[in-house]
PDB file of N, CA and C in Angstrom:
ATOM      1  N   MET A   1      28.683  -8.294  12.632  1.00  0.00           N
ATOM      2  CA  MET A   1      29.512  -7.834  12.746  1.00  0.00           C
ATOM      3  C   MET A   1      30.276  -8.381  13.993  1.00  0.00           C
ATOM      4  N   LYS A   2      31.698  -9.047  13.715  1.00  0.00           N
ATOM      5  CA  LYS A   2      32.255  -9.576  15.002  1.00  0.00           C
ATOM      6  C   LYS A   2      33.169  -8.471  15.521  1.00  0.00           C
ATOM      7  N   ASN A   3      33.819  -8.488  17.126  1.00  0.00           N
ATOM      8  CA  ASN A   3      34.099  -7.291  17.779  1.00  0.00           C
ATOM      9  C   ASN A   3      35.624  -7.218  17.014  1.00  0.00           C
ATOM     10  N   LYS A   4      36.377  -8.564  16.183  1.00  0.00           N
ATOM     11  CA  LYS A   4      37.732  -8.214  16.336  1.00  0.00           C
ATOM     12  C   LYS A   4      37.744  -7.935  14.806  1.00  0.00           C
ATOM     13  N   ASP A   5      36.696  -7.796  13.953  1.00  0.00           N
ATOM     14  CA  ASP A   5      36.700  -7.069  13.129  1.00  0.00           C
ATOM     15  C   ASP A   5      35.980  -5.543  13.054  1.00  0.00           C
ATOM     16  N   ILE A   6      35.518  -4.830  14.202  1.00  0.00           N
ATOM     17  CA  ILE A   6      35.279  -3.762  14.653  1.00  0.00           C
ATOM     18  C   ILE A   6      36.765  -3.411  14.980  1.00  0.00           C
ATOM     19  N   VAL A   7      37.533  -3.933  15.580  1.00  0.00           N
ATOM     20  CA  VAL A   7      38.512  -3.814  16.392  1.00  0.00           C
ATOM     21  C   VAL A   7      40.298  -3.058  15.452  1.00  0.00           C
ATOM     22  N   ASN A   8      39.865  -3.787  13.952  1.00  0.00           N
ATOM     23  CA  ASN A   8      40.668  -4.150  12.755  1.00  0.00           C
ATOM     24  C   ASN A   8      40.331  -2.699  12.179  1.00  0.00           C
ATOM     25  N   LEU A   9      39.291  -2.016  12.102  1.00  0.00           N
ATOM     26  CA  LEU A   9      39.153  -1.090  11.675  1.00  0.00           C
ATOM     27  C   LEU A   9      39.624   0.305  11.700  1.00  0.00           C
ATOM     28  N   PRO A  10      39.806   0.908  10.650  1.00  0.00           N
ATOM     29  CA  PRO A  10      40.525   2.533  11.129  1.00  0.00           C
ATOM     30  C   PRO A  10      40.065   3.208  11.670  1.00  0.00           C
ATOM     31  N   ASP A  11      40.388   4.336  12.080  1.00  0.00           N
ATOM     32  CA  ASP A  11      39.560   5.451  13.265  1.00  0.00           C
ATOM     33  C   ASP A  11      38.203   5.667  12.382  1.00  0.00           C
ATOM     34  N   GLN A  12      38.988   6.342  11.109  1.00  0.00           N
ATOM     35  CA  GLN A  12      37.683   7.391  10.002  1.00  0.00           C
ATOM     36  C   GLN A  12      37.002   6.154   9.800  1.00  0.00           C
ATOM     37  N   ASP A  13      36.925   5.091   9.532  1.00  0.00           N
ATOM     38  CA  ASP A  13      36.300   4.001   8.854  1.00  0.00           C
ATOM     39  C   ASP A  13      34.947   3.531   9.702  1.00  0.00           C
ATOM     40  N   LEU A  14      35.848   3.400  10.810  1.00  0.00           N
ATOM     41  CA  LEU A  14      34.534   2.959  12.191  1.00  0.00           C
ATOM     42  C   LEU A  14      33.704   4.028  12.528  1.00  0.00           C
ATOM     43  N   ILE A  15      34.332   4.981  12.289  1.00  0.00           N
ATOM     44  CA  ILE A  15      33.044   6.682  12.192  1.00  0.00           C
ATOM     45  C   ILE A  15      32.413   6.185  11.787  1.00  0.00           C
ATOM     46  N   GLU A  16      32.278   6.794  10.276  1.00  0.00           N
ATOM     47  CA  GLU A  16      31.364   6.504   8.838  1.00  0.00           C
ATOM     48  C   GLU A  16      30.735   5.411   9.044  1.00  0.00           C
ATOM     49  N   LYS A  17      31.050   4.075   9.384  1.00  0.00           N
ATOM     50  CA  LYS A  17      30.491   2.588   9.848  1.00  0.00           C
ATOM     51  C   LYS A  17      29.183   2.876  10.455  1.00  0.00           C
ATOM     52  N   VAL A  18      29.564   3.953  11.729  1.00  0.00           N
ATOM     53  CA  VAL A  18      28.667   3.753  12.473  1.00  0.00           C
ATOM     54  C   VAL A  18      27.564   4.920  12.020  1.00  0.00           C
ATOM     55  N   LYS A  19      28.036   5.717  11.378  1.00  0.00           N
ATOM     56  CA  LYS A  19      27.070   6.666  11.192  1.00  0.00           C
ATOM     57  C   LYS A  19      25.945   6.032   9.997  1.00  0.00           C
ATOM     58  N   ASP A  20      26.662   4.881   9.055  1.00  0.00           N
ATOM     59  CA  ASP A  20      25.561   3.892   7.892  1.00  0.00           C
ATOM     60  C   ASP A  20      24.518   3.158   8.881  1.00  0.00           C
ATOM     61  N   GLU A  21      25.750   2.372   9.801  1.00  0.00           N
ATOM     62  CA  GLU A  21      24.401   1.598  10.670  1.00  0.00           C
ATOM     63  C   GLU A  21      23.727   2.422  11.604  1.00  0.00           C
ATOM     64  N   LYS A  22      23.414   3.611  12.010  1.00  0.00           N
ATOM     65  CA  LYS A  22      22.855   4.650  12.327  1.00  0.00           C
ATOM     66  C   LYS A  22      21.445   4.955  11.470  1.00  0.00           C
ATOM     67  N   ALA A  23      22.062   5.359  10.367  1.00  0.00           N
ATOM     68  CA  ALA A  23      20.928   5.521   9.539  1.00  0.00           C
ATOM     69  C   ALA A  23      20.279   4.362   8.689  1.00  0.00           C
ATOM     70  N   ALA A  24      20.717   3.287   8.836  1.00  0.00           N
ATOM     71  CA  ALA A  24      20.166   1.751   8.307  1.00  0.00           C
ATOM     72  C   ALA A  24      19.114   1.273   9.389  1.00  0.00           C
ATOM     73  N   LEU A  25      19.678   1.616  11.140  1.00  0.00           N
ATOM     74  CA  LEU A  25      18.763   1.380  12.016  1.00  0.00           C
ATOM     75  C   LEU A  25      17.318   2.059  11.708  1.00  0.00           C
ATOM     76  N   ASN A  26      17.752   3.463  11.548  1.00  0.00           N
ATOM     77  CA  ASN A  26      16.278   4.501  11.732  1.00  0.00           C
ATOM     78  C   ASN A  26      15.583   4.044  10.796  1.00  0.00           C
ATOM     79  N   LYS A  27      15.852   3.525   9.405  1.00  0.00           N
ATOM     80  CA  LYS A  27      14.987   3.195   8.438  1.00  0.00           C
ATOM     81  C   LYS A  27      14.489   1.771   8.782  1.00  0.00           C
ATOM     82  N   MET A  28      15.253   0.892   9.292  1.00  0.00           N
ATOM     83  CA  MET A  28      14.564  -0.195   9.684  1.00  0.00           C
ATOM     84  C   MET A  28      13.610  -0.210  10.748  1.00  0.00           C
ATOM     85  N   THR A  29      13.861   0.835  11.480  1.00  0.00           N
ATOM     86  CA  THR A  29      12.349   0.497  12.414  1.00  0.00           C
ATOM     87  C   THR A  29      11.208   1.591  12.011  1.00  0.00           C
ATOM     88  N   LEU A  30      11.752   2.696  11.170  1.00  0.00           N
ATOM     89  CA  LEU A  30      10.305   3.443  10.297  1.00  0.00           C
ATOM     90  C   LEU A  30       9.579   2.448   9.791  1.00  0.00           C
ATOM     91  N   ASN A  31      10.423   1.697   8.717  1.00  0.00           N
ATOM     92  CA  ASN A  31       9.932   0.153   7.926  1.00  0.00           C
ATOM     93  C   ASN A  31       9.083  -0.777   8.902  1.00  0.00           C
ATOM     94  N   HIS A  32       9.552  -0.842  10.397  1.00  0.00           N
ATOM     95  CA  HIS A  32       8.972  -1.795  11.308  1.00  0.00           C
ATOM     96  C   HIS A  32       7.794  -1.234  11.546  1.00  0.00           C
ATOM     97  N   ALA A  33       7.624   0.143  12.147  1.00  0.00           N
ATOM     98  CA  ALA A  33       6.172   0.632  12.416  1.00  0.00           C
ATOM     99  C   ALA A  33       5.423   0.840  11.251  1.00  0.00           C
ATOM    100  N   ILE A  34       5.756   1.011   9.668  1.00  0.00           N
ATOM    101  CA  ILE A  34       4.706   0.659   8.901  1.00  0.00           C
ATOM    102  C   ILE A  34       4.288  -0.554   8.526  1.00  0.00           C
ATOM    103  N   SER A  35       5.151  -1.503   8.281  1.00  0.00           N
ATOM    104  CA  SER A  35       4.881  -2.873   8.093  1.00  0.00           C
ATOM    105  C   SER A  35       5.808  -3.894   8.865  1.00  0.00           C
ATOM    106  N   PRO A  36       5.166  -5.119   9.495  1.00  0.00           N
ATOM    107  CA  PRO A  36       6.460  -5.561  10.249  1.00  0.00           C
ATOM    108  C   PRO A  36       7.047  -6.119   9.458  1.00  0.00           C
ATOM    109  N   VAL A  37       8.331  -5.856  10.357  1.00  0.00           N
ATOM    110  CA  VAL A  37       9.469  -6.546   9.385  1.00  0.00           C
ATOM    111  C   VAL A  37       9.480  -7.939   9.740  1.00  0.00           C
ATOM    112  N   GLU A  38      10.114  -8.680   8.630  1.00  0.00           N
ATOM    113  CA  GLU A  38      10.318 -10.154   8.314  1.00  0.00           C
ATOM    114  C   GLU A  38      10.909 -10.933   9.235  1.00  0.00           C
ATOM    115  N   ASN A  39      11.883 -10.494   9.799  1.00  0.00           N
ATOM    116  CA  ASN A  39      12.873 -10.826  10.556  1.00  0.00           C
ATOM    117  C   ASN A  39      13.294  -9.754  12.066  1.00  0.00           C
ATOM    118  N   PRO A  40      12.335  -9.406  12.899  1.00  0.00           N
ATOM    119  CA  PRO A  40      12.156  -8.175  13.797  1.00  0.00           C
ATOM    120  C   PRO A  40      13.965  -8.689  14.658  1.00  0.00           C
ATOM    121  N   SER A  41      14.470  -9.453  14.814  1.00  0.00           N
ATOM    122  CA  SER A  41      15.524  -9.959  15.869  1.00  0.00           C
ATOM    123  C   SER A  41      17.059  -9.166  14.826  1.00  0.00           C
ATOM    124  N   LYS A  42      16.823  -8.279  13.759  1.00  0.00           N
ATOM    125  CA  LYS A  42      17.591  -7.607  12.787  1.00  0.00           C
ATOM    126  C   LYS A  42      17.764  -6.259  13.397  1.00  0.00           C
ATOM    127  N   ILE A  43      16.363  -5.984  14.046  1.00  0.00           N
ATOM    128  CA  ILE A  43      16.472  -4.852  14.509  1.00  0.00           C
ATOM    129  C   ILE A  43      17.477  -4.337  15.541  1.00  0.00           C
ATOM    130  N   ARG A  44      17.171  -5.493  16.482  1.00  0.00           N
ATOM    131  CA  ARG A  44      18.138  -5.778  17.926  1.00  0.00           C
ATOM    132  C   ARG A  44      19.780  -6.072  17.702  1.00  0.00           C
ATOM    133  N   LEU A  45      19.955  -6.962  16.394  1.00  0.00           N
ATOM    134  CA  LEU A  45      21.071  -7.166  16.246  1.00  0.00           C
ATOM    135  C   LEU A  45      22.159  -6.059  15.193  1.00  0.00           C
ATOM    136  N   ASN A  46      21.146  -4.930  14.896  1.00  0.00           N
ATOM    137  CA  ASN A  46      22.258  -3.906  14.607  1.00  0.00           C
ATOM    138  C   ASN A  46      22.104  -2.639  15.640  1.00  0.00           C
ATOM    139  N   ARG A  47      21.007  -2.840  16.486  1.00  0.00           N
ATOM    140  CA  ARG A  47      21.832  -1.753  17.854  1.00  0.00           C
ATOM    141  C   ARG A  47      22.590  -2.281  18.524  1.00  0.00           C
ATOM    142  N   ARG A  48      22.556  -3.522  18.724  1.00  0.00           N
ATOM    143  CA  ARG A  48      23.915  -4.172  19.359  1.00  0.00           C
ATOM    144  C   ARG A  48      25.444  -3.947  18.545  1.00  0.00           C
ATOM    145  N   ASN A  49      25.517  -4.012  17.060  1.00  0.00           N
ATOM    146  CA  ASN A  49      26.378  -3.235  16.331  1.00  0.00           C
ATOM    147  C   ASN A  49      26.834  -2.001  16.775  1.00  0.00           C
ATOM    148  N   ILE A  50      25.888  -1.776  16.410  1.00  0.00           N
ATOM    149  CA  ILE A  50      26.380   0.172  16.574  1.00  0.00           C
ATOM    150  C   ILE A  50      27.069   0.472  17.868  1.00  0.00           C
ATOM    151  N   ALA A  51      26.058  -0.184  19.233  1.00  0.00           N
ATOM    152  CA  ALA A  51      27.055  -0.455  20.886  1.00  0.00           C
ATOM    153  C   ALA A  51      28.517  -0.381  20.627  1.00  0.00           C
ATOM    154  N   ARG A  52      28.767  -1.833  20.104  1.00  0.00           N
ATOM    155  CA  ARG A  52      30.002  -2.707  19.931  1.00  0.00           C
ATOM    156  C   ARG A  52      30.977  -1.514  19.096  1.00  0.00           C
ATOM    157  N   MET A  53      30.314  -1.013  18.197  1.00  0.00           N
ATOM    158  CA  MET A  53      31.199   0.049  17.236  1.00  0.00           C
ATOM    159  C   MET A  53      31.428   1.522  17.956  1.00  0.00           C
ATOM    160  N   VAL A  54      30.573   1.937  18.428  1.00  0.00           N
ATOM    161  CA  VAL A  54      30.442   3.129  19.585  1.00  0.00           C
ATOM    162  C   VAL A  54      31.571   2.718  20.848  1.00  0.00           C
ATOM    163  N   THR A  55      31.465   1.836  21.093  1.00  0.00           N
ATOM    164  CA  THR A  55      32.145   1.312  22.684  1.00  0.00           C
ATOM    165  C   THR A  55      33.900   1.691  21.855  1.00  0.00           C
ATOM    166  N   GLU A  56      33.807   0.656  20.930  1.00  0.00           N
ATOM    167  CA  GLU A  56      35.255   0.435  20.300  1.00  0.00           C
ATOM    168  C   GLU A  56      35.712   2.160  20.024  1.00  0.00           C
ATOM    169  N   VAL A  57      34.994   3.074  19.475  1.00  0.00           N
ATOM    170  CA  VAL A  57      35.400   4.568  19.230  1.00  0.00           C
ATOM    171  C   VAL A  57      35.821   5.375  20.516  1.00  0.00           C
ATOM    172  N   SER A  58      35.046   4.964  22.016  1.00  0.00           N
ATOM    173  CA  SER A  58      34.734   5.851  22.753  1.00  0.00           C
ATOM    174  C   SER A  58      36.420   4.700  23.886  1.00  0.00           C
ATOM    175  N   LYS A  59      36.591   4.221  23.254  1.00  0.00           N
ATOM    176  CA  LYS A  59      37.754   3.357  23.576  1.00  0.00           C
ATOM    177  C   LYS A  59      39.129   4.065  23.464  1.00  0.00           C
ATOM    178  N   ARG A  60      39.079   4.204  22.188  1.00  0.00           N
ATOM    179  CA  ARG A  60      40.305   4.498  21.394  1.00  0.00           C
ATOM    180  C   ARG A  60      40.546   6.187  21.744  1.00  0.00           C
ATOM    181  N   LYS A  61      39.635   7.046  22.164  1.00  0.00           N
ATOM    182  CA  LYS A  61      39.311   8.673  22.620  1.00  0.00           C
ATOM    183  C   LYS A  61      40.363   8.530  23.851  1.00  0.00           C
ATOM    184  N   ASN A  62      39.957   7.423  24.653  1.00  0.00           N
ATOM    185  CA  ASN A  62      40.078   7.502  26.218  1.00  0.00           C
ATOM    186  C   ASN A  62      41.628   6.984  26.110  1.00  0.00           C
ATOM    187  N   THR A  63      42.164   6.377  25.274  1.00  0.00           N
ATOM    188  CA  THR A  63      43.335   5.548  25.085  1.00  0.00           C
ATOM    189  C   THR A  63      44.415   6.369  24.926  1.00  0.00           C
ATOM    190  N   SER A  64      43.647   7.362  23.264  1.00  0.00           N
ATOM    191  CA  SER A  64      44.829   8.381  22.712  1.00  0.00           C
ATOM    192  C   SER A  64      44.832   9.643  23.587  1.00  0.00           C
ATOM    193  N   ASN A  65      43.942   9.904  24.599  1.00  0.00           N
ATOM    194  CA  ASN A  65      43.637  11.403  25.390  1.00  0.00           C
ATOM    195  C   ASN A  65      45.207  10.900  26.812  1.00  0.00           C
ATOM    196  N   LYS A  66      45.425   9.642  27.103  1.00  0.00           N
ATOM    197  CA  LYS A  66      46.410   9.497  27.964  1.00  0.00           C
ATOM    198  C   LYS A  66      47.747   9.536  27.668  1.00  0.00           C
TER     199      LYS A  66
END
């Protein structure tokens, strides 16, 4: 997911997307521990997307408090 797509999401949708992506990452890492994932770089990509979304959520909270 591109950063401009993340910025355009409404607050509630962004929070829900973070929860969904964290669950998907958890499932993916557990599956990878049992049997290797075909493309392990997807785990890194998913982790980075979550970090982008969490950063946007915290940025929005900080700007709304001012």
